Amino acid sequence: MAIDPVCKMTVDEKTAKFKTKYNGDTYYFCAPGCKKAFEESPAEYLR
């Protein structure tokens, strides 16, 4: 299981509909809004 870096919800990597790559790592999201927020400012969520 992965943790959505935006809202901190648990996300199953196998069934996640929303994911993105950043600096060679894959991040998984619970919803399109979290994915969009992360893609606009990834450093803010990876502190």
C-alpha atoms as a PDB file:
ATOM      1  CA  MET A   1       0.000   0.000   0.000  1.00  0.00           C
ATOM      2  CA  ALA A   2       1.120   3.538  -0.768  1.00  0.00           C
ATOM      3  CA  ILE A   3       0.324   6.801   0.988  1.00  0.00           C
ATOM      4  CA  ASP A   4      -1.174   9.639  -1.048  1.00  0.00           C
ATOM      5  CA  PRO A   5       1.405  12.428  -0.497  1.00  0.00           C
ATOM      6  CA  VAL A   6      -1.289  15.115  -0.586  1.00  0.00           C
ATOM      7  CA  CYS A   7      -4.055  13.873   1.740  1.00  0.00           C
ATOM      8  CA  LYS A   8      -2.146  10.985   3.407  1.00  0.00           C
ATOM      9  CA  MET A   9      -4.817   8.381   2.563  1.00  0.00           C
ATOM     10  CA  THR A  10      -3.761   4.786   1.942  1.00  0.00           C
ATOM     11  CA  VAL A  11      -3.861   3.820  -1.744  1.00  0.00           C
ATOM     12  CA  ASP A  12      -3.510   0.331  -3.240  1.00  0.00           C
ATOM     13  CA  GLU A  13      -0.827   0.536  -5.935  1.00  0.00           C
ATOM     14  CA  LYS A  14      -2.423  -2.336  -7.877  1.00  0.00           C
ATOM     15  CA  THR A  15      -5.798  -0.633  -8.303  1.00  0.00           C
ATOM     16  CA  ALA A  16      -4.890   3.070  -8.125  1.00  0.00           C
ATOM     17  CA  LYS A  17      -6.420   5.022 -10.996  1.00  0.00           C
ATOM     18  CA  PHE A  18      -4.344   8.139 -10.329  1.00  0.00           C
ATOM     19  CA  LYS A  19      -0.557   8.041 -10.342  1.00  0.00           C
ATOM     20  CA  THR A  20       2.364  10.085 -11.558  1.00  0.00           C
ATOM     21  CA  LYS A  21       6.134   9.842 -11.754  1.00  0.00           C
ATOM     22  CA  TYR A  22       8.430  12.425 -10.204  1.00  0.00           C
ATOM     23  CA  ASN A  23      12.226  12.193  -9.964  1.00  0.00           C
ATOM     24  CA  GLY A  24      12.110   8.512 -10.916  1.00  0.00           C
ATOM     25  CA  ASP A  25       9.575   7.548  -8.249  1.00  0.00           C
ATOM     26  CA  THR A  26       5.901   6.705  -8.732  1.00  0.00           C
ATOM     27  CA  TYR A  27       3.335   8.388  -6.484  1.00  0.00           C
ATOM     28  CA  TYR A  28      -0.237   7.172  -6.078  1.00  0.00           C
ATOM     29  CA  PHE A  29      -3.320   9.270  -5.365  1.00  0.00           C
ATOM     30  CA  CYS A  30      -6.842   8.670  -4.099  1.00  0.00           C
ATOM     31  CA  ALA A  31      -8.448  11.213  -6.432  1.00  0.00           C
ATOM     32  CA  PRO A  32      -7.682  13.410  -9.449  1.00  0.00           C
ATOM     33  CA  GLY A  33      -7.616  16.550  -7.274  1.00  0.00           C
ATOM     34  CA  CYS A  34      -4.762  15.172  -5.167  1.00  0.00           C
ATOM     35  CA  LYS A  35      -2.826  14.186  -8.292  1.00  0.00           C
ATOM     36  CA  LYS A  36      -3.300  17.653  -9.787  1.00  0.00           C
ATOM     37  CA  ALA A  37      -2.214  19.403  -6.576  1.00  0.00           C
ATOM     38  CA  PHE A  38       0.919  17.254  -6.386  1.00  0.00           C
ATOM     39  CA  GLU A  39       1.844  17.815 -10.030  1.00  0.00           C
ATOM     40  CA  GLU A  40       1.516  21.583  -9.618  1.00  0.00           C
ATOM     41  CA  SER A  41       3.880  21.670  -6.624  1.00  0.00           C
ATOM     42  CA  PRO A  42       5.500  18.303  -5.816  1.00  0.00           C
ATOM     43  CA  ALA A  43       8.236  19.715  -3.559  1.00  0.00           C
ATOM     44  CA  GLU A  44       5.575  21.129  -1.249  1.00  0.00           C
ATOM     45  CA  TYR A  45       4.221  17.619  -0.558  1.00  0.00           C
ATOM     46  CA  LEU A  46       7.562  15.824  -0.294  1.00  0.00           C
ATOM     47  CA  ARG A  47       8.993  17.836   2.601  1.00  0.00           C
END
